[in-house]
């Protein structure tokens, strides 16, 4: 079951930023390498402005509104 199936919302947005461990520990040995995964359903999928607003809000939350 997913949020989409259970709650039947108008839209679901999922954004995951994660550290890429293999890049930091093997091979190229680059520190601070991150990867972003995004998934958009419903209104978030259909409305580019809504996506931008959502991404701005999580960016502001991370930086304390700066």
PDB file of N, CA and C in Angstrom:
ATOM      1  N   UNK A   1       0.836  -1.170   0.000  1.00  0.00           N
ATOM      2  CA  UNK A   1       0.000   0.000   0.000  1.00  0.00           C
ATOM      3  C   UNK A   1       0.884   1.238   0.000  1.00  0.00           C
ATOM      4  N   UNK A   2       0.462   2.233  -0.696  1.00  0.00           N
ATOM      5  CA  UNK A   2       1.199   3.487  -0.760  1.00  0.00           C
ATOM      6  C   UNK A   2       0.327   4.635  -0.289  1.00  0.00           C
ATOM      7  N   UNK A   3       0.951   5.786  -0.077  1.00  0.00           N
ATOM      8  CA  UNK A   3       0.173   6.977   0.287  1.00  0.00           C
ATOM      9  C   UNK A   3      -0.915   7.249  -0.738  1.00  0.00           C
ATOM     10  N   UNK A   4      -0.561   7.094  -2.002  1.00  0.00           N
ATOM     11  CA  UNK A   4      -1.493   7.358  -3.101  1.00  0.00           C
ATOM     12  C   UNK A   4      -2.713   6.448  -3.002  1.00  0.00           C
ATOM     13  N   UNK A   5      -2.478   5.167  -2.783  1.00  0.00           N
ATOM     14  CA  UNK A   5      -3.580   4.195  -2.739  1.00  0.00           C
ATOM     15  C   UNK A   5      -4.439   4.332  -1.480  1.00  0.00           C
ATOM     16  N   UNK A   6      -3.818   4.534  -0.339  1.00  0.00           N
ATOM     17  CA  UNK A   6      -4.531   4.518   0.928  1.00  0.00           C
ATOM     18  C   UNK A   6      -5.268   5.830   1.206  1.00  0.00           C
ATOM     19  N   UNK A   7      -4.593   6.952   0.989  1.00  0.00           N
ATOM     20  CA  UNK A   7      -5.176   8.241   1.345  1.00  0.00           C
ATOM     21  C   UNK A   7      -5.970   8.894   0.223  1.00  0.00           C
ATOM     22  N   UNK A   8      -5.729   8.494  -1.015  1.00  0.00           N
ATOM     23  CA  UNK A   8      -6.380   9.067  -2.193  1.00  0.00           C
ATOM     24  C   UNK A   8      -6.282  10.598  -2.226  1.00  0.00           C
ATOM     25  N   UNK A   9      -5.061  11.158  -2.071  1.00  0.00           N
ATOM     26  CA  UNK A   9      -4.904  12.607  -2.086  1.00  0.00           C
ATOM     27  C   UNK A   9      -4.945  13.162  -3.508  1.00  0.00           C
ATOM     28  N   UNK A  10      -4.984  14.479  -3.625  1.00  0.00           N
ATOM     29  CA  UNK A  10      -4.939  15.126  -4.939  1.00  0.00           C
ATOM     30  C   UNK A  10      -3.533  15.037  -5.533  1.00  0.00           C
ATOM     31  N   UNK A  11      -2.529  14.901  -4.666  1.00  0.00           N
ATOM     32  CA  UNK A  11      -1.157  14.795  -5.150  1.00  0.00           C
ATOM     33  C   UNK A  11      -0.228  14.277  -4.078  1.00  0.00           C
ATOM     34  N   UNK A  12       0.850  13.641  -4.517  1.00  0.00           N
ATOM     35  CA  UNK A  12       1.889  13.151  -3.607  1.00  0.00           C
ATOM     36  C   UNK A  12       3.237  13.532  -4.207  1.00  0.00           C
ATOM     37  N   UNK A  13       4.115  14.084  -3.356  1.00  0.00           N
ATOM     38  CA  UNK A  13       5.473  14.420  -3.769  1.00  0.00           C
ATOM     39  C   UNK A  13       6.447  13.764  -2.801  1.00  0.00           C
ATOM     40  N   UNK A  14       7.436  13.078  -3.347  1.00  0.00           N
ATOM     41  CA  UNK A  14       8.472  12.455  -2.526  1.00  0.00           C
ATOM     42  C   UNK A  14       9.817  12.877  -3.100  1.00  0.00           C
ATOM     43  N   UNK A  15      10.666  13.439  -2.235  1.00  0.00           N
ATOM     44  CA  UNK A  15      12.014  13.839  -2.637  1.00  0.00           C
ATOM     45  C   UNK A  15      12.976  13.278  -1.605  1.00  0.00           C
ATOM     46  N   UNK A  16      13.954  12.525  -2.067  1.00  0.00           N
ATOM     47  CA  UNK A  16      14.948  11.926  -1.175  1.00  0.00           C
ATOM     48  C   UNK A  16      16.328  12.366  -1.638  1.00  0.00           C
ATOM     49  N   UNK A  17      17.089  13.003  -0.738  1.00  0.00           N
ATOM     50  CA  UNK A  17      18.487  13.322  -0.969  1.00  0.00           C
ATOM     51  C   UNK A  17      19.295  12.380  -0.098  1.00  0.00           C
ATOM     52  N   UNK A  18      20.226  11.654  -0.714  1.00  0.00           N
ATOM     53  CA  UNK A  18      21.000  10.668   0.037  1.00  0.00           C
ATOM     54  C   UNK A  18      22.471  10.739  -0.344  1.00  0.00           C
ATOM     55  N   UNK A  19      23.316  10.394   0.611  1.00  0.00           N
ATOM     56  CA  UNK A  19      24.742  10.328   0.353  1.00  0.00           C
ATOM     57  C   UNK A  19      25.044   9.047  -0.411  1.00  0.00           C
ATOM     58  N   UNK A  20      25.872   9.181  -1.409  1.00  0.00           N
ATOM     59  CA  UNK A  20      26.241   8.037  -2.241  1.00  0.00           C
ATOM     60  C   UNK A  20      27.496   7.402  -1.651  1.00  0.00           C
ATOM     61  N   UNK A  21      27.304   6.393  -0.796  1.00  0.00           N
ATOM     62  CA  UNK A  21      28.407   5.773  -0.072  1.00  0.00           C
ATOM     63  C   UNK A  21      29.503   5.195  -0.941  1.00  0.00           C
ATOM     64  N   UNK A  22      29.145   4.587  -2.055  1.00  0.00           N
ATOM     65  CA  UNK A  22      30.155   3.979  -2.929  1.00  0.00           C
ATOM     66  C   UNK A  22      31.108   5.028  -3.497  1.00  0.00           C
ATOM     67  N   UNK A  23      30.581   6.205  -3.815  1.00  0.00           N
ATOM     68  CA  UNK A  23      31.430   7.263  -4.357  1.00  0.00           C
ATOM     69  C   UNK A  23      32.411   7.774  -3.303  1.00  0.00           C
ATOM     70  N   UNK A  24      32.027   7.715  -2.043  1.00  0.00           N
ATOM     71  CA  UNK A  24      32.874   8.229  -0.970  1.00  0.00           C
ATOM     72  C   UNK A  24      33.910   7.220  -0.510  1.00  0.00           C
ATOM     73  N   UNK A  25      33.608   5.925  -0.632  1.00  0.00           N
ATOM     74  CA  UNK A  25      34.505   4.920  -0.051  1.00  0.00           C
ATOM     75  C   UNK A  25      35.303   4.113  -1.064  1.00  0.00           C
ATOM     76  N   UNK A  26      34.832   4.047  -2.298  1.00  0.00           N
ATOM     77  CA  UNK A  26      35.537   3.239  -3.301  1.00  0.00           C
ATOM     78  C   UNK A  26      35.807   4.076  -4.543  1.00  0.00           C
ATOM     79  N   UNK A  27      36.673   3.589  -5.363  1.00  0.00           N
ATOM     80  CA  UNK A  27      36.882   4.187  -6.680  1.00  0.00           C
ATOM     81  C   UNK A  27      37.359   5.617  -6.642  1.00  0.00           C
ATOM     82  N   UNK A  28      36.471   6.561  -6.966  1.00  0.00           N
ATOM     83  CA  UNK A  28      36.856   7.962  -7.132  1.00  0.00           C
ATOM     84  C   UNK A  28      37.113   8.699  -5.814  1.00  0.00           C
ATOM     85  N   UNK A  29      36.686   8.131  -4.682  1.00  0.00           N
ATOM     86  CA  UNK A  29      36.905   8.729  -3.356  1.00  0.00           C
ATOM     87  C   UNK A  29      36.484  10.195  -3.276  1.00  0.00           C
ATOM     88  N   UNK A  30      35.310  10.511  -3.763  1.00  0.00           N
ATOM     89  CA  UNK A  30      34.780  11.870  -3.674  1.00  0.00           C
ATOM     90  C   UNK A  30      33.869  11.971  -2.461  1.00  0.00           C
ATOM     91  N   UNK A  31      34.108  12.964  -1.636  1.00  0.00           N
ATOM     92  CA  UNK A  31      33.293  13.201  -0.447  1.00  0.00           C
ATOM     93  C   UNK A  31      32.135  14.126  -0.800  1.00  0.00           C
ATOM     94  N   UNK A  32      31.034  13.993  -0.074  1.00  0.00           N
ATOM     95  CA  UNK A  32      29.905  14.902  -0.249  1.00  0.00           C
ATOM     96  C   UNK A  32      29.087  14.667  -1.506  1.00  0.00           C
ATOM     97  N   UNK A  33      29.228  13.516  -2.132  1.00  0.00           N
ATOM     98  CA  UNK A  33      28.445  13.214  -3.327  1.00  0.00           C
ATOM     99  C   UNK A  33      27.051  12.771  -2.891  1.00  0.00           C
ATOM    100  N   UNK A  34      26.044  13.451  -3.384  1.00  0.00           N
ATOM    101  CA  UNK A  34      24.670  13.088  -3.049  1.00  0.00           C
ATOM    102  C   UNK A  34      23.884  12.796  -4.325  1.00  0.00           C
ATOM    103  N   UNK A  35      22.807  12.086  -4.142  1.00  0.00           N
ATOM    104  CA  UNK A  35      21.933  11.747  -5.255  1.00  0.00           C
ATOM    105  C   UNK A  35      20.504  12.090  -4.838  1.00  0.00           C
ATOM    106  N   UNK A  36      19.745  12.666  -5.758  1.00  0.00           N
ATOM    107  CA  UNK A  36      18.356  13.033  -5.477  1.00  0.00           C
ATOM    108  C   UNK A  36      17.428  12.143  -6.292  1.00  0.00           C
ATOM    109  N   UNK A  37      16.409  11.626  -5.612  1.00  0.00           N
ATOM    110  CA  UNK A  37      15.349  10.876  -6.276  1.00  0.00           C
ATOM    111  C   UNK A  37      14.046  11.617  -6.031  1.00  0.00           C
ATOM    112  N   UNK A  38      13.280  11.835  -7.100  1.00  0.00           N
ATOM    113  CA  UNK A  38      12.010  12.552  -7.007  1.00  0.00           C
ATOM    114  C   UNK A  38      10.901  11.702  -7.615  1.00  0.00           C
ATOM    115  N   UNK A  39       9.728  11.762  -6.998  1.00  0.00           N
ATOM    116  CA  UNK A  39       8.563  11.067  -7.534  1.00  0.00           C
ATOM    117  C   UNK A  39       7.346  11.970  -7.366  1.00  0.00           C
ATOM    118  N   UNK A  40       6.597  12.167  -8.437  1.00  0.00           N
ATOM    119  CA  UNK A  40       5.460  13.082  -8.446  1.00  0.00           C
ATOM    120  C   UNK A  40       4.209  12.334  -8.906  1.00  0.00           C
ATOM    121  N   UNK A  41       3.119  12.501  -8.171  1.00  0.00           N
ATOM    122  CA  UNK A  41       1.833  11.920  -8.567  1.00  0.00           C
ATOM    123  C   UNK A  41       0.747  12.985  -8.491  1.00  0.00           C
ATOM    124  N   UNK A  42      -0.293  12.807  -9.276  1.00  0.00           N
ATOM    125  CA  UNK A  42      -1.464  13.687  -9.226  1.00  0.00           C
ATOM    126  C   UNK A  42      -1.124  15.123  -9.572  1.00  0.00           C
ATOM    127  N   UNK A  43      -1.587  16.066  -8.739  1.00  0.00           N
ATOM    128  CA  UNK A  43      -1.383  17.490  -8.998  1.00  0.00           C
ATOM    129  C   UNK A  43       0.097  17.842  -9.102  1.00  0.00           C
ATOM    130  N   UNK A  44       0.951  17.192  -8.318  1.00  0.00           N
ATOM    131  CA  UNK A  44       2.384  17.475  -8.399  1.00  0.00           C
ATOM    132  C   UNK A  44       2.960  17.044  -9.745  1.00  0.00           C
ATOM    133  N   UNK A  45       2.434  15.987 -10.312  1.00  0.00           N
ATOM    134  CA  UNK A  45       2.889  15.530 -11.625  1.00  0.00           C
ATOM    135  C   UNK A  45       2.423  16.470 -12.732  1.00  0.00           C
ATOM    136  N   UNK A  46       1.196  16.960 -12.600  1.00  0.00           N
ATOM    137  CA  UNK A  46       0.576  17.748 -13.666  1.00  0.00           C
ATOM    138  C   UNK A  46       0.912  19.234 -13.628  1.00  0.00           C
ATOM    139  N   UNK A  47       1.309  19.765 -12.474  1.00  0.00           N
ATOM    140  CA  UNK A  47       1.476  21.207 -12.298  1.00  0.00           C
ATOM    141  C   UNK A  47       2.927  21.558 -11.953  1.00  0.00           C
ATOM    142  N   UNK A  48       3.662  22.035 -12.943  1.00  0.00           N
ATOM    143  CA  UNK A  48       5.082  22.373 -12.771  1.00  0.00           C
ATOM    144  C   UNK A  48       5.276  23.465 -11.705  1.00  0.00           C
ATOM    145  N   UNK A  49       4.366  24.448 -11.653  1.00  0.00           N
ATOM    146  CA  UNK A  49       4.480  25.509 -10.649  1.00  0.00           C
ATOM    147  C   UNK A  49       4.313  24.964  -9.234  1.00  0.00           C
ATOM    148  N   UNK A  50       3.425  24.005  -9.054  1.00  0.00           N
ATOM    149  CA  UNK A  50       3.239  23.374  -7.749  1.00  0.00           C
ATOM    150  C   UNK A  50       4.514  22.634  -7.331  1.00  0.00           C
ATOM    151  N   UNK A  51       5.150  21.937  -8.272  1.00  0.00           N
ATOM    152  CA  UNK A  51       6.426  21.259  -7.981  1.00  0.00           C
ATOM    153  C   UNK A  51       7.481  22.261  -7.544  1.00  0.00           C
ATOM    154  N   UNK A  52       7.592  23.375  -8.274  1.00  0.00           N
ATOM    155  CA  UNK A  52       8.580  24.407  -7.923  1.00  0.00           C
ATOM    156  C   UNK A  52       8.317  24.956  -6.519  1.00  0.00           C
ATOM    157  N   UNK A  53       7.049  25.201  -6.200  1.00  0.00           N
ATOM    158  CA  UNK A  53       6.694  25.715  -4.877  1.00  0.00           C
ATOM    159  C   UNK A  53       7.069  24.709  -3.789  1.00  0.00           C
ATOM    160  N   UNK A  54       6.790  23.436  -4.026  1.00  0.00           N
ATOM    161  CA  UNK A  54       7.138  22.388  -3.070  1.00  0.00           C
ATOM    162  C   UNK A  54       8.651  22.317  -2.863  1.00  0.00           C
ATOM    163  N   UNK A  55       9.418  22.303  -3.955  1.00  0.00           N
ATOM    164  CA  UNK A  55      10.870  22.227  -3.851  1.00  0.00           C
ATOM    165  C   UNK A  55      11.437  23.457  -3.136  1.00  0.00           C
ATOM    166  N   UNK A  56      10.869  24.631  -3.393  1.00  0.00           N
ATOM    167  CA  UNK A  56      11.306  25.837  -2.700  1.00  0.00           C
ATOM    168  C   UNK A  56      11.017  25.734  -1.203  1.00  0.00           C
ATOM    169  N   UNK A  57       9.874  25.162  -0.841  1.00  0.00           N
ATOM    170  CA  UNK A  57       9.521  25.055   0.578  1.00  0.00           C
ATOM    171  C   UNK A  57      10.450  24.107   1.323  1.00  0.00           C
ATOM    172  N   UNK A  58      10.851  23.009   0.704  1.00  0.00           N
ATOM    173  CA  UNK A  58      11.773  22.105   1.420  1.00  0.00           C
ATOM    174  C   UNK A  58      13.180  22.684   1.433  1.00  0.00           C
ATOM    175  N   UNK A  59      13.545  23.444   0.408  1.00  0.00           N
ATOM    176  CA  UNK A  59      14.849  24.121   0.407  1.00  0.00           C
ATOM    177  C   UNK A  59      14.870  25.156   1.528  1.00  0.00           C
ATOM    178  N   UNK A  60      13.778  25.935   1.667  1.00  0.00           N
ATOM    179  CA  UNK A  60      13.697  26.950   2.729  1.00  0.00           C
ATOM    180  C   UNK A  60      13.711  26.312   4.116  1.00  0.00           C
ATOM    181  N   UNK A  61      13.062  25.174   4.258  1.00  0.00           N
ATOM    182  CA  UNK A  61      13.042  24.479   5.546  1.00  0.00           C
ATOM    183  C   UNK A  61      14.451  24.014   5.920  1.00  0.00           C
ATOM    184  N   UNK A  62      15.208  23.578   4.931  1.00  0.00           N
ATOM    185  CA  UNK A  62      16.576  23.108   5.172  1.00  0.00           C
ATOM    186  C   UNK A  62      17.504  24.261   5.549  1.00  0.00           C
ATOM    187  N   UNK A  63      17.297  25.423   4.952  1.00  0.00           N
ATOM    188  CA  UNK A  63      18.201  26.557   5.170  1.00  0.00           C
ATOM    189  C   UNK A  63      17.669  27.536   6.214  1.00  0.00           C
ATOM    190  N   UNK A  64      16.531  27.245   6.798  1.00  0.00           N
ATOM    191  CA  UNK A  64      15.953  28.137   7.792  1.00  0.00           C
ATOM    192  C   UNK A  64      15.365  29.391   7.212  1.00  0.00           C
ATOM    193  N   UNK A  65      14.910  29.315   5.933  1.00  0.00           N
ATOM    194  CA  UNK A  65      14.284  30.464   5.298  1.00  0.00           C
ATOM    195  C   UNK A  65      15.258  31.448   4.674  1.00  0.00           C
ATOM    196  N   UNK A  66      16.528  31.089   4.647  1.00  0.00           N
ATOM    197  CA  UNK A  66      17.522  31.986   4.055  1.00  0.00           C
ATOM    198  C   UNK A  66      17.580  31.861   2.566  1.00  0.00           C
TER     199      UNK A  66
END
